[in-house]
Amino acid sequence: MKIGLNGNVVEAHEAVISVYDHGFLYGMGLFETFRTYNGRPYLLERHRSRLKAGCAELGIPFVLSIGELETWIDKLLQENGLEDGYVRLTVSAGEGALGLPTGDYTQPNVVLLVKELPSTNEEAVRTGKELRLLRTERNTPEGSVRFKSLHYMNNMIAKRELLGLSGDHVMPASPGAEGLMLTREGWLSEGIVSNLFFITGGIIRTPSVATGILPGITRQRVLELAAEAGYGVEEGSYHWEELASADEIWMTNSIQELVPVTLLTRYDSDTRLVISGGVAGPATMKLLALYRSDTLK
């Protein structure tokens, strides 16, 4: 397997980063995950802009242009025999003294990883997935807006709970299920690796960025596509009870696109709530089709 390191392509076992890199020592770094369609990274400009803005706030320089990124991604896909792939772009702060930094960083490490995309089963898409309300709360953002940061422990703890590995004797969710976290105040926030959408009263609703969620790139594009298609859209603060009475629910991320939710469960109850008759709802499927069409433009 080959990976990208600081603009080059090398064998994975040859890639070396110092143990003094502050990404390793303190989680100082950010990453983006996205995918390609017909060899082209989708919404790369938005991913780059979010990454660059976050790095600037952390005092980490990030100077790669869109053209440089496209060329690097294309080369790495070819070197790994992939026409399309799951892409992760990571910027780590770089080497520094032991202890908290006293100034900006100057030599970050930029790592590019690719792997094969998960297979798509259209029947499974229509059947939808389970969404499990977790005991694990969403932590507060690192700054004014949540970063997609290397400090991912909150998500990892949530994932362990979802898999039944947290030692609390709660049964694991079904295979492929996503976990949902609430804020400390009890508001709906987001999934472990996804943003949340639901429909009630004909309005598409999603938790506001003010709740501390990651401002997802796919989330924003789906909001735009929904508005263009004539749907009413709303960002706000919502409770579990509102989600439980929804007509349709779906999750979004850059790799899985729109994922219909047809079953709601809770860590503290045996209740199983079937959503939209156990199949993906019409608005969900229409927006998924619009999203996929948009990726090909």
C-alpha atoms as a PDB file:
ATOM      1  CA  MET A   1       0.000   0.000   0.000  1.00  0.00           C
ATOM      2  CA  LYS A   2       1.277   3.453  -0.897  1.00  0.00           C
ATOM      3  CA  ILE A   3       0.468   6.687   0.890  1.00  0.00           C
ATOM      4  CA  GLY A   4       1.109  10.367   0.391  1.00  0.00           C
ATOM      5  CA  LEU A   5       3.482  12.226   2.712  1.00  0.00           C
ATOM      6  CA  ASN A   6       4.279  15.923   2.274  1.00  0.00           C
ATOM      7  CA  GLY A   7       3.522  15.930  -1.440  1.00  0.00           C
ATOM      8  CA  ASN A   8       5.264  12.653  -2.248  1.00  0.00           C
ATOM      9  CA  VAL A   9       4.031   9.095  -2.721  1.00  0.00           C
ATOM     10  CA  VAL A  10       5.846   6.457  -0.674  1.00  0.00           C
ATOM     11  CA  GLU A  11       5.377   2.922   0.572  1.00  0.00           C
ATOM     12  CA  ALA A  12       3.380   2.962   3.796  1.00  0.00           C
ATOM     13  CA  HIS A  13       6.180   1.333   5.806  1.00  0.00           C
ATOM     14  CA  GLU A  14       8.602   4.050   4.686  1.00  0.00           C
ATOM     15  CA  ALA A  15       6.486   6.948   6.024  1.00  0.00           C
ATOM     16  CA  VAL A  16       7.975   8.310   9.246  1.00  0.00           C
ATOM     17  CA  ILE A  17       6.729  11.121  11.497  1.00  0.00           C
ATOM     18  CA  SER A  18       8.534  12.234  14.646  1.00  0.00           C
ATOM     19  CA  VAL A  19       7.160  11.291  18.062  1.00  0.00           C
ATOM     20  CA  TYR A  20       7.582  15.012  18.827  1.00  0.00           C
ATOM     21  CA  ASP A  21       4.953  15.909  16.238  1.00  0.00           C
ATOM     22  CA  HIS A  22       2.302  17.832  18.162  1.00  0.00           C
ATOM     23  CA  GLY A  23      -0.388  15.954  16.282  1.00  0.00           C
ATOM     24  CA  PHE A  24       0.785  12.841  18.117  1.00  0.00           C
ATOM     25  CA  LEU A  25       1.521  14.525  21.441  1.00  0.00           C
ATOM     26  CA  TYR A  26      -1.478  16.846  21.715  1.00  0.00           C
ATOM     27  CA  GLY A  27      -3.888  16.049  18.890  1.00  0.00           C
ATOM     28  CA  MET A  28      -2.958  19.298  17.128  1.00  0.00           C
ATOM     29  CA  GLY A  29      -4.076  18.676  13.603  1.00  0.00           C
ATOM     30  CA  LEU A  30      -7.102  18.428  11.360  1.00  0.00           C
ATOM     31  CA  PHE A  31      -8.333  16.099   8.655  1.00  0.00           C
ATOM     32  CA  GLU A  32     -10.869  15.828   5.876  1.00  0.00           C
ATOM     33  CA  THR A  33     -12.479  12.720   4.434  1.00  0.00           C
ATOM     34  CA  PHE A  34     -14.125  12.712   1.040  1.00  0.00           C
ATOM     35  CA  ARG A  35     -14.459  10.507  -2.008  1.00  0.00           C
ATOM     36  CA  THR A  36     -13.919  10.631  -5.719  1.00  0.00           C
ATOM     37  CA  TYR A  37     -16.423  10.073  -8.510  1.00  0.00           C
ATOM     38  CA  ASN A  38     -14.951   9.078 -11.871  1.00  0.00           C
ATOM     39  CA  GLY A  39     -11.562   9.963 -10.425  1.00  0.00           C
ATOM     40  CA  ARG A  40     -12.575  13.493  -9.355  1.00  0.00           C
ATOM     41  CA  PRO A  41     -12.730  14.533  -5.694  1.00  0.00           C
ATOM     42  CA  TYR A  42     -16.242  15.806  -4.968  1.00  0.00           C
ATOM     43  CA  LEU A  43     -16.554  19.238  -3.293  1.00  0.00           C
ATOM     44  CA  LEU A  44     -12.774  19.406  -2.877  1.00  0.00           C
ATOM     45  CA  GLU A  45     -12.839  23.212  -2.810  1.00  0.00           C
ATOM     46  CA  ARG A  46     -15.114  23.161   0.238  1.00  0.00           C
ATOM     47  CA  HIS A  47     -13.073  20.530   2.039  1.00  0.00           C
ATOM     48  CA  ARG A  48      -9.875  22.464   1.365  1.00  0.00           C
ATOM     49  CA  SER A  49     -11.424  25.736   2.543  1.00  0.00           C
ATOM     50  CA  ARG A  50     -12.627  24.198   5.815  1.00  0.00           C
ATOM     51  CA  LEU A  51      -9.265  22.563   6.401  1.00  0.00           C
ATOM     52  CA  LYS A  52      -7.306  25.726   5.609  1.00  0.00           C
ATOM     53  CA  ALA A  53      -9.514  27.900   7.844  1.00  0.00           C
ATOM     54  CA  GLY A  54      -9.193  25.493  10.747  1.00  0.00           C
ATOM     55  CA  CYS A  55      -5.423  25.235  10.327  1.00  0.00           C
ATOM     56  CA  ALA A  56      -5.140  29.024  10.311  1.00  0.00           C
ATOM     57  CA  GLU A  57      -6.996  29.207  13.621  1.00  0.00           C
ATOM     58  CA  LEU A  58      -4.588  26.655  15.103  1.00  0.00           C
ATOM     59  CA  GLY A  59      -1.483  28.399  13.773  1.00  0.00           C
ATOM     60  CA  ILE A  60      -0.713  25.610  11.284  1.00  0.00           C
ATOM     61  CA  PRO A  61       0.228  26.679   7.733  1.00  0.00           C
ATOM     62  CA  PHE A  62      -1.568  24.898   4.902  1.00  0.00           C
ATOM     63  CA  VAL A  63      -0.615  26.036   1.412  1.00  0.00           C
ATOM     64  CA  LEU A  64      -1.565  23.249  -1.011  1.00  0.00           C
ATOM     65  CA  SER A  65      -3.692  24.531  -3.881  1.00  0.00           C
ATOM     66  CA  ILE A  66      -6.666  22.746  -5.432  1.00  0.00           C
ATOM     67  CA  GLY A  67      -4.543  21.853  -8.448  1.00  0.00           C
ATOM     68  CA  GLU A  68      -1.767  20.402  -6.302  1.00  0.00           C
ATOM     69  CA  LEU A  69      -4.248  18.365  -4.286  1.00  0.00           C
ATOM     70  CA  GLU A  70      -5.990  17.016  -7.389  1.00  0.00           C
ATOM     71  CA  THR A  71      -2.691  15.953  -8.928  1.00  0.00           C
ATOM     72  CA  TRP A  72      -1.515  14.307  -5.694  1.00  0.00           C
ATOM     73  CA  ILE A  73      -4.804  12.462  -5.169  1.00  0.00           C
ATOM     74  CA  ASP A  74      -4.856  11.244  -8.765  1.00  0.00           C
ATOM     75  CA  LYS A  75      -1.295   9.962  -8.531  1.00  0.00           C
ATOM     76  CA  LEU A  76      -1.945   8.147  -5.246  1.00  0.00           C
ATOM     77  CA  LEU A  77      -5.096   6.497  -6.589  1.00  0.00           C
ATOM     78  CA  GLN A  78      -3.188   5.301  -9.650  1.00  0.00           C
ATOM     79  CA  GLU A  79      -0.274   4.022  -7.550  1.00  0.00           C
ATOM     80  CA  ASN A  80      -2.750   1.941  -5.534  1.00  0.00           C
ATOM     81  CA  GLY A  81      -4.628   0.675  -8.582  1.00  0.00           C
ATOM     82  CA  LEU A  82      -7.828   2.551  -7.753  1.00  0.00           C
ATOM     83  CA  GLU A  83     -10.048   4.418 -10.182  1.00  0.00           C
ATOM     84  CA  ASP A  84     -12.066   5.876  -7.298  1.00  0.00           C
ATOM     85  CA  GLY A  85     -11.435   5.877  -3.597  1.00  0.00           C
ATOM     86  CA  TYR A  86     -12.095   6.931  -0.045  1.00  0.00           C
ATOM     87  CA  VAL A  87      -9.651   9.772   0.640  1.00  0.00           C
ATOM     88  CA  ARG A  88      -8.370  11.096   3.954  1.00  0.00           C
ATOM     89  CA  LEU A  89      -6.251  14.260   3.978  1.00  0.00           C
ATOM     90  CA  THR A  90      -4.552  14.965   7.307  1.00  0.00           C
ATOM     91  CA  VAL A  91      -2.548  17.997   8.399  1.00  0.00           C
ATOM     92  CA  SER A  92      -0.576  17.451  11.600  1.00  0.00           C
ATOM     93  CA  ALA A  93       1.038  20.412  13.355  1.00  0.00           C
ATOM     94  CA  GLY A  94       4.573  19.124  12.972  1.00  0.00           C
ATOM     95  CA  GLU A  95       7.485  18.715  15.312  1.00  0.00           C
ATOM     96  CA  GLY A  96       7.726  20.904  18.399  1.00  0.00           C
ATOM     97  CA  ALA A  97       9.244  20.963  21.848  1.00  0.00           C
ATOM     98  CA  LEU A  98       7.714  18.892  24.621  1.00  0.00           C
ATOM     99  CA  GLY A  99       5.150  21.216  26.185  1.00  0.00           C
ATOM    100  CA  LEU A 100       2.474  23.522  24.887  1.00  0.00           C
ATOM    101  CA  PRO A 101       3.456  25.685  21.895  1.00  0.00           C
ATOM    102  CA  THR A 102       4.646  29.259  22.354  1.00  0.00           C
ATOM    103  CA  GLY A 103       3.951  30.354  18.783  1.00  0.00           C
ATOM    104  CA  ASP A 104       2.690  29.216  15.410  1.00  0.00           C
ATOM    105  CA  TYR A 105       3.877  26.039  13.764  1.00  0.00           C
ATOM    106  CA  THR A 106       6.090  26.246  10.692  1.00  0.00           C
ATOM    107  CA  GLN A 107       6.575  22.730   9.284  1.00  0.00           C
ATOM    108  CA  PRO A 108       3.387  20.660   9.371  1.00  0.00           C
ATOM    109  CA  ASN A 109       3.168  17.113   8.105  1.00  0.00           C
ATOM    110  CA  VAL A 110       0.560  16.491   5.431  1.00  0.00           C
ATOM    111  CA  VAL A 111      -0.561  12.888   4.965  1.00  0.00           C
ATOM    112  CA  LEU A 112      -2.789  11.562   2.191  1.00  0.00           C
ATOM    113  CA  LEU A 113      -4.417   8.139   2.508  1.00  0.00           C
ATOM    114  CA  VAL A 114      -6.722   6.322   0.102  1.00  0.00           C
ATOM    115  CA  LYS A 115      -8.577   3.054   0.217  1.00  0.00           C
ATOM    116  CA  GLU A 116     -11.253   1.223  -1.739  1.00  0.00           C
ATOM    117  CA  LEU A 117     -14.764   2.598  -1.390  1.00  0.00           C
ATOM    118  CA  PRO A 118     -17.330   0.461   0.431  1.00  0.00           C
ATOM    119  CA  SER A 119     -19.658  -1.425  -1.877  1.00  0.00           C
ATOM    120  CA  THR A 120     -23.136  -0.004  -2.402  1.00  0.00           C
ATOM    121  CA  ASN A 121     -26.178  -2.254  -2.028  1.00  0.00           C
ATOM    122  CA  GLU A 122     -29.184  -0.359  -3.326  1.00  0.00           C
ATOM    123  CA  GLU A 123     -31.633  -2.702  -1.631  1.00  0.00           C
ATOM    124  CA  ALA A 124     -29.854  -2.096   1.691  1.00  0.00           C
ATOM    125  CA  VAL A 125     -30.090   1.645   1.041  1.00  0.00           C
ATOM    126  CA  ARG A 126     -33.860   1.397   0.633  1.00  0.00           C
ATOM    127  CA  THR A 127     -34.151  -0.789   3.731  1.00  0.00           C
ATOM    128  CA  GLY A 128     -32.251   1.765   5.787  1.00  0.00           C
ATOM    129  CA  LYS A 129     -30.283   1.476   9.013  1.00  0.00           C
ATOM    130  CA  GLU A 130     -30.699   1.568  12.753  1.00  0.00           C
ATOM    131  CA  LEU A 131     -29.908   4.775  14.626  1.00  0.00           C
ATOM    132  CA  ARG A 132     -29.134   4.186  18.306  1.00  0.00           C
ATOM    133  CA  LEU A 133     -29.392   6.944  20.897  1.00  0.00           C
ATOM    134  CA  LEU A 134     -26.220   6.681  22.979  1.00  0.00           C
ATOM    135  CA  ARG A 135     -25.446   7.396  26.593  1.00  0.00           C
ATOM    136  CA  THR A 136     -22.231   9.107  25.485  1.00  0.00           C
ATOM    137  CA  GLU A 137     -22.782  12.865  25.238  1.00  0.00           C
ATOM    138  CA  ARG A 138     -21.349  15.037  22.490  1.00  0.00           C
ATOM    139  CA  ASN A 139     -18.508  17.071  23.923  1.00  0.00           C
ATOM    140  CA  THR A 140     -18.305  20.818  23.379  1.00  0.00           C
ATOM    141  CA  PRO A 141     -16.435  22.201  20.348  1.00  0.00           C
ATOM    142  CA  GLU A 142     -12.723  22.968  20.546  1.00  0.00           C
ATOM    143  CA  GLY A 143     -13.290  26.548  19.419  1.00  0.00           C
ATOM    144  CA  SER A 144     -16.075  28.739  18.114  1.00  0.00           C
ATOM    145  CA  VAL A 145     -16.920  25.975  15.606  1.00  0.00           C
ATOM    146  CA  ARG A 146     -16.162  22.277  15.911  1.00  0.00           C
ATOM    147  CA  PHE A 147     -13.005  21.193  14.116  1.00  0.00           C
ATOM    148  CA  LYS A 148     -12.577  17.876  12.352  1.00  0.00           C
ATOM    149  CA  SER A 149      -9.611  17.366  14.598  1.00  0.00           C
ATOM    150  CA  LEU A 150      -7.167  14.594  15.433  1.00  0.00           C
ATOM    151  CA  HIS A 151      -8.557  14.644  18.969  1.00  0.00           C
ATOM    152  CA  TYR A 152     -11.300  12.126  18.181  1.00  0.00           C
ATOM    153  CA  MET A 153     -11.723  10.448  21.564  1.00  0.00           C
ATOM    154  CA  ASN A 154     -15.366  11.462  22.066  1.00  0.00           C
ATOM    155  CA  ASN A 155     -16.281   9.736  18.802  1.00  0.00           C
ATOM    156  CA  MET A 156     -14.199   6.677  19.675  1.00  0.00           C
ATOM    157  CA  ILE A 157     -15.896   6.290  23.065  1.00  0.00           C
ATOM    158  CA  ALA A 158     -19.273   6.598  21.349  1.00  0.00           C
ATOM    159  CA  LYS A 159     -18.278   3.937  18.824  1.00  0.00           C
ATOM    160  CA  ARG A 160     -17.243   1.558  21.602  1.00  0.00           C
ATOM    161  CA  GLU A 161     -20.628   2.045  23.238  1.00  0.00           C
ATOM    162  CA  LEU A 162     -22.408   1.364  19.942  1.00  0.00           C
ATOM    163  CA  LEU A 163     -20.457  -1.891  19.542  1.00  0.00           C
ATOM    164  CA  GLY A 164     -21.145  -2.985  23.123  1.00  0.00           C
ATOM    165  CA  LEU A 165     -17.490  -2.597  24.150  1.00  0.00           C
ATOM    166  CA  SER A 166     -17.909   0.084  26.803  1.00  0.00           C
ATOM    167  CA  GLY A 167     -18.371  -2.293  29.728  1.00  0.00           C
ATOM    168  CA  ASP A 168     -21.855  -1.033  30.627  1.00  0.00           C
ATOM    169  CA  HIS A 169     -23.550  -4.340  29.691  1.00  0.00           C
ATOM    170  CA  VAL A 170     -25.698  -2.644  27.053  1.00  0.00           C
ATOM    171  CA  MET A 171     -26.389  -4.850  24.038  1.00  0.00           C
ATOM    172  CA  PRO A 172     -24.619  -3.699  20.869  1.00  0.00           C
ATOM    173  CA  ALA A 173     -26.594  -2.170  18.040  1.00  0.00           C
ATOM    174  CA  SER A 174     -27.202  -4.096  14.837  1.00  0.00           C
ATOM    175  CA  PRO A 175     -24.341  -4.352  12.310  1.00  0.00           C
ATOM    176  CA  GLY A 176     -23.911  -1.145  10.351  1.00  0.00           C
ATOM    177  CA  ALA A 177     -25.930   0.953  12.799  1.00  0.00           C
ATOM    178  CA  GLU A 178     -24.990   4.546  13.550  1.00  0.00           C
ATOM    179  CA  GLY A 179     -24.889   6.095  17.012  1.00  0.00           C
ATOM    180  CA  LEU A 180     -26.555   9.394  17.914  1.00  0.00           C
ATOM    181  CA  MET A 181     -25.257  11.707  20.619  1.00  0.00           C
ATOM    182  CA  LEU A 182     -27.107  14.402  22.524  1.00  0.00           C
ATOM    183  CA  THR A 183     -25.534  17.558  23.855  1.00  0.00           C
ATOM    184  CA  ARG A 184     -25.108  17.942  27.604  1.00  0.00           C
ATOM    185  CA  GLU A 185     -28.266  20.091  27.536  1.00  0.00           C
ATOM    186  CA  GLY A 186     -30.219  17.264  25.895  1.00  0.00           C
ATOM    187  CA  TRP A 187     -30.409  18.587  22.322  1.00  0.00           C
ATOM    188  CA  LEU A 188     -30.003  16.315  19.317  1.00  0.00           C
ATOM    189  CA  SER A 189     -26.511  16.790  17.907  1.00  0.00           C
ATOM    190  CA  GLU A 190     -25.002  14.356  15.411  1.00  0.00           C
ATOM    191  CA  GLY A 191     -23.905  10.816  14.739  1.00  0.00           C
ATOM    192  CA  ILE A 192     -20.486   9.364  15.392  1.00  0.00           C
ATOM    193  CA  VAL A 193     -19.446  10.005  11.788  1.00  0.00           C
ATOM    194  CA  SER A 194     -22.473  11.764  10.333  1.00  0.00           C
ATOM    195  CA  ASN A 195     -24.892  14.669  10.464  1.00  0.00           C
ATOM    196  CA  LEU A 196     -28.595  14.196  11.209  1.00  0.00           C
ATOM    197  CA  PHE A 197     -31.667  15.177   9.161  1.00  0.00           C
ATOM    198  CA  PHE A 198     -35.360  14.489   9.694  1.00  0.00           C
ATOM    199  CA  ILE A 199     -38.711  15.583   8.280  1.00  0.00           C
ATOM    200  CA  THR A 200     -41.782  16.608  10.249  1.00  0.00           C
ATOM    201  CA  GLY A 201     -44.709  18.579   8.906  1.00  0.00           C
ATOM    202  CA  GLY A 202     -43.153  18.664   5.459  1.00  0.00           C
ATOM    203  CA  ILE A 203     -40.085  20.584   6.733  1.00  0.00           C
ATOM    204  CA  ILE A 204     -36.549  19.209   6.514  1.00  0.00           C
ATOM    205  CA  ARG A 205     -34.828  19.826   9.826  1.00  0.00           C
ATOM    206  CA  THR A 206     -31.234  19.442  10.993  1.00  0.00           C
ATOM    207  CA  PRO A 207     -29.510  20.433  14.247  1.00  0.00           C
ATOM    208  CA  SER A 208     -27.967  23.884  14.135  1.00  0.00           C
ATOM    209  CA  VAL A 209     -24.202  24.381  14.161  1.00  0.00           C
ATOM    210  CA  ALA A 210     -24.894  26.315  17.382  1.00  0.00           C
ATOM    211  CA  THR A 211     -25.466  22.950  19.120  1.00  0.00           C
ATOM    212  CA  GLY A 212     -21.761  22.223  18.635  1.00  0.00           C
ATOM    213  CA  ILE A 213     -21.952  19.843  15.688  1.00  0.00           C
ATOM    214  CA  LEU A 214     -19.420  19.602  12.908  1.00  0.00           C
ATOM    215  CA  PRO A 215     -20.539  21.839  10.028  1.00  0.00           C
ATOM    216  CA  GLY A 216     -20.466  18.952   7.569  1.00  0.00           C
ATOM    217  CA  ILE A 217     -19.680  19.568   3.910  1.00  0.00           C
ATOM    218  CA  THR A 218     -22.262  17.014   2.790  1.00  0.00           C
ATOM    219  CA  ARG A 219     -24.754  18.440   5.304  1.00  0.00           C
ATOM    220  CA  GLN A 220     -24.439  21.885   3.745  1.00  0.00           C
ATOM    221  CA  ARG A 221     -24.762  20.600   0.185  1.00  0.00           C
ATOM    222  CA  VAL A 222     -27.893  18.619   1.076  1.00  0.00           C
ATOM    223  CA  LEU A 223     -29.420  21.744   2.625  1.00  0.00           C
ATOM    224  CA  GLU A 224     -28.730  23.604  -0.613  1.00  0.00           C
ATOM    225  CA  LEU A 225     -30.125  20.839  -2.814  1.00  0.00           C
ATOM    226  CA  ALA A 226     -33.244  20.573  -0.657  1.00  0.00           C
ATOM    227  CA  ALA A 227     -33.901  24.315  -0.891  1.00  0.00           C
ATOM    228  CA  GLU A 228     -33.334  24.258  -4.661  1.00  0.00           C
ATOM    229  CA  ALA A 229     -35.842  21.385  -4.944  1.00  0.00           C
ATOM    230  CA  GLY A 230     -38.482  23.449  -3.149  1.00  0.00           C
ATOM    231  CA  TYR A 231     -38.394  21.860   0.298  1.00  0.00           C
ATOM    232  CA  GLY A 232     -38.726  23.958   3.421  1.00  0.00           C
ATOM    233  CA  VAL A 233     -35.513  23.648   5.441  1.00  0.00           C
ATOM    234  CA  GLU A 234     -34.783  24.548   9.054  1.00  0.00           C
ATOM    235  CA  GLU A 235     -31.742  24.457  11.323  1.00  0.00           C
ATOM    236  CA  GLY A 236     -32.525  24.486  15.023  1.00  0.00           C
ATOM    237  CA  SER A 237     -32.468  22.809  18.441  1.00  0.00           C
ATOM    238  CA  TYR A 238     -34.531  19.648  18.780  1.00  0.00           C
ATOM    239  CA  HIS A 239     -35.294  16.942  21.326  1.00  0.00           C
ATOM    240  CA  TRP A 240     -35.375  13.174  20.958  1.00  0.00           C
ATOM    241  CA  GLU A 241     -39.182  13.166  21.079  1.00  0.00           C
ATOM    242  CA  GLU A 242     -39.289  15.279  17.924  1.00  0.00           C
ATOM    243  CA  LEU A 243     -37.015  12.841  16.135  1.00  0.00           C
ATOM    244  CA  ALA A 244     -39.088   9.878  17.329  1.00  0.00           C
ATOM    245  CA  SER A 245     -42.192  11.354  15.675  1.00  0.00           C
ATOM    246  CA  ALA A 246     -40.439  12.146  12.372  1.00  0.00           C
ATOM    247  CA  ASP A 247     -41.830  11.045   9.016  1.00  0.00           C
ATOM    248  CA  GLU A 248     -38.370  10.416   7.573  1.00  0.00           C
ATOM    249  CA  ILE A 249     -34.823  10.383   8.973  1.00  0.00           C
ATOM    250  CA  TRP A 250     -31.446  10.193   7.289  1.00  0.00           C
ATOM    251  CA  MET A 251     -27.786  10.746   8.079  1.00  0.00           C
ATOM    252  CA  THR A 252     -25.115  12.285   5.847  1.00  0.00           C
ATOM    253  CA  ASN A 253     -21.387  12.037   5.387  1.00  0.00           C
ATOM    254  CA  SER A 254     -19.023  12.438   2.469  1.00  0.00           C
ATOM    255  CA  ILE A 255     -18.370   8.735   1.960  1.00  0.00           C
ATOM    256  CA  GLN A 256     -21.834   7.216   2.483  1.00  0.00           C
ATOM    257  CA  GLU A 257     -23.791  10.139   0.985  1.00  0.00           C
ATOM    258  CA  LEU A 258     -27.364  10.067   2.403  1.00  0.00           C
ATOM    259  CA  VAL A 259     -28.122   7.066   4.617  1.00  0.00           C
ATOM    260  CA  PRO A 260     -31.824   6.421   5.354  1.00  0.00           C
ATOM    261  CA  VAL A 261     -32.737   5.607   8.962  1.00  0.00           C
ATOM    262  CA  THR A 262     -35.697   3.256   9.357  1.00  0.00           C
ATOM    263  CA  LEU A 263     -35.254   2.135  12.970  1.00  0.00           C
ATOM    264  CA  LEU A 264     -34.687   4.146  16.157  1.00  0.00           C
ATOM    265  CA  THR A 265     -33.431   2.514  19.349  1.00  0.00           C
ATOM    266  CA  ARG A 266     -32.140   3.756  22.707  1.00  0.00           C
ATOM    267  CA  TYR A 267     -29.409   2.626  25.071  1.00  0.00           C
ATOM    268  CA  ASP A 268     -31.883   2.771  27.993  1.00  0.00           C
ATOM    269  CA  SER A 269     -34.922   1.053  26.468  1.00  0.00           C
ATOM    270  CA  ASP A 270     -35.994  -2.017  24.530  1.00  0.00           C
ATOM    271  CA  THR A 271     -38.353   0.130  22.458  1.00  0.00           C
ATOM    272  CA  ARG A 272     -37.824  -0.085  18.717  1.00  0.00           C
ATOM    273  CA  LEU A 273     -39.416   2.670  16.644  1.00  0.00           C
ATOM    274  CA  VAL A 274     -39.918   1.921  12.949  1.00  0.00           C
ATOM    275  CA  ILE A 275     -39.613   5.028  10.761  1.00  0.00           C
ATOM    276  CA  SER A 276     -41.361   5.604   7.407  1.00  0.00           C
ATOM    277  CA  GLY A 277     -42.774   2.088   7.352  1.00  0.00           C
ATOM    278  CA  GLY A 278     -39.361   0.461   7.508  1.00  0.00           C
ATOM    279  CA  VAL A 279     -38.215   1.752   4.116  1.00  0.00           C
ATOM    280  CA  ALA A 280     -36.462   4.899   2.966  1.00  0.00           C
ATOM    281  CA  GLY A 281     -38.917   7.753   2.539  1.00  0.00           C
ATOM    282  CA  PRO A 282     -39.642   9.543  -0.752  1.00  0.00           C
ATOM    283  CA  ALA A 283     -37.885  12.803   0.180  1.00  0.00           C
ATOM    284  CA  THR A 284     -34.807  10.881   1.326  1.00  0.00           C
ATOM    285  CA  MET A 285     -34.578   8.989  -1.962  1.00  0.00           C
ATOM    286  CA  LYS A 286     -35.231  12.102  -4.038  1.00  0.00           C
ATOM    287  CA  LEU A 287     -32.464  14.023  -2.287  1.00  0.00           C
ATOM    288  CA  LEU A 288     -30.114  11.057  -2.611  1.00  0.00           C
ATOM    289  CA  ALA A 289     -30.770  11.028  -6.362  1.00  0.00           C
ATOM    290  CA  LEU A 290     -30.186  14.786  -6.571  1.00  0.00           C
ATOM    291  CA  TYR A 291     -26.963  14.442  -4.580  1.00  0.00           C
ATOM    292  CA  ARG A 292     -25.640  11.657  -6.796  1.00  0.00           C
ATOM    293  CA  SER A 293     -26.541  13.632  -9.895  1.00  0.00           C
ATOM    294  CA  ASP A 294     -24.647  16.614  -8.494  1.00  0.00           C
ATOM    295  CA  THR A 295     -21.479  14.545  -8.029  1.00  0.00           C
ATOM    296  CA  LEU A 296     -21.344  13.895 -11.773  1.00  0.00           C
ATOM    297  CA  LYS A 297     -21.426  17.526 -12.894  1.00  0.00           C
END
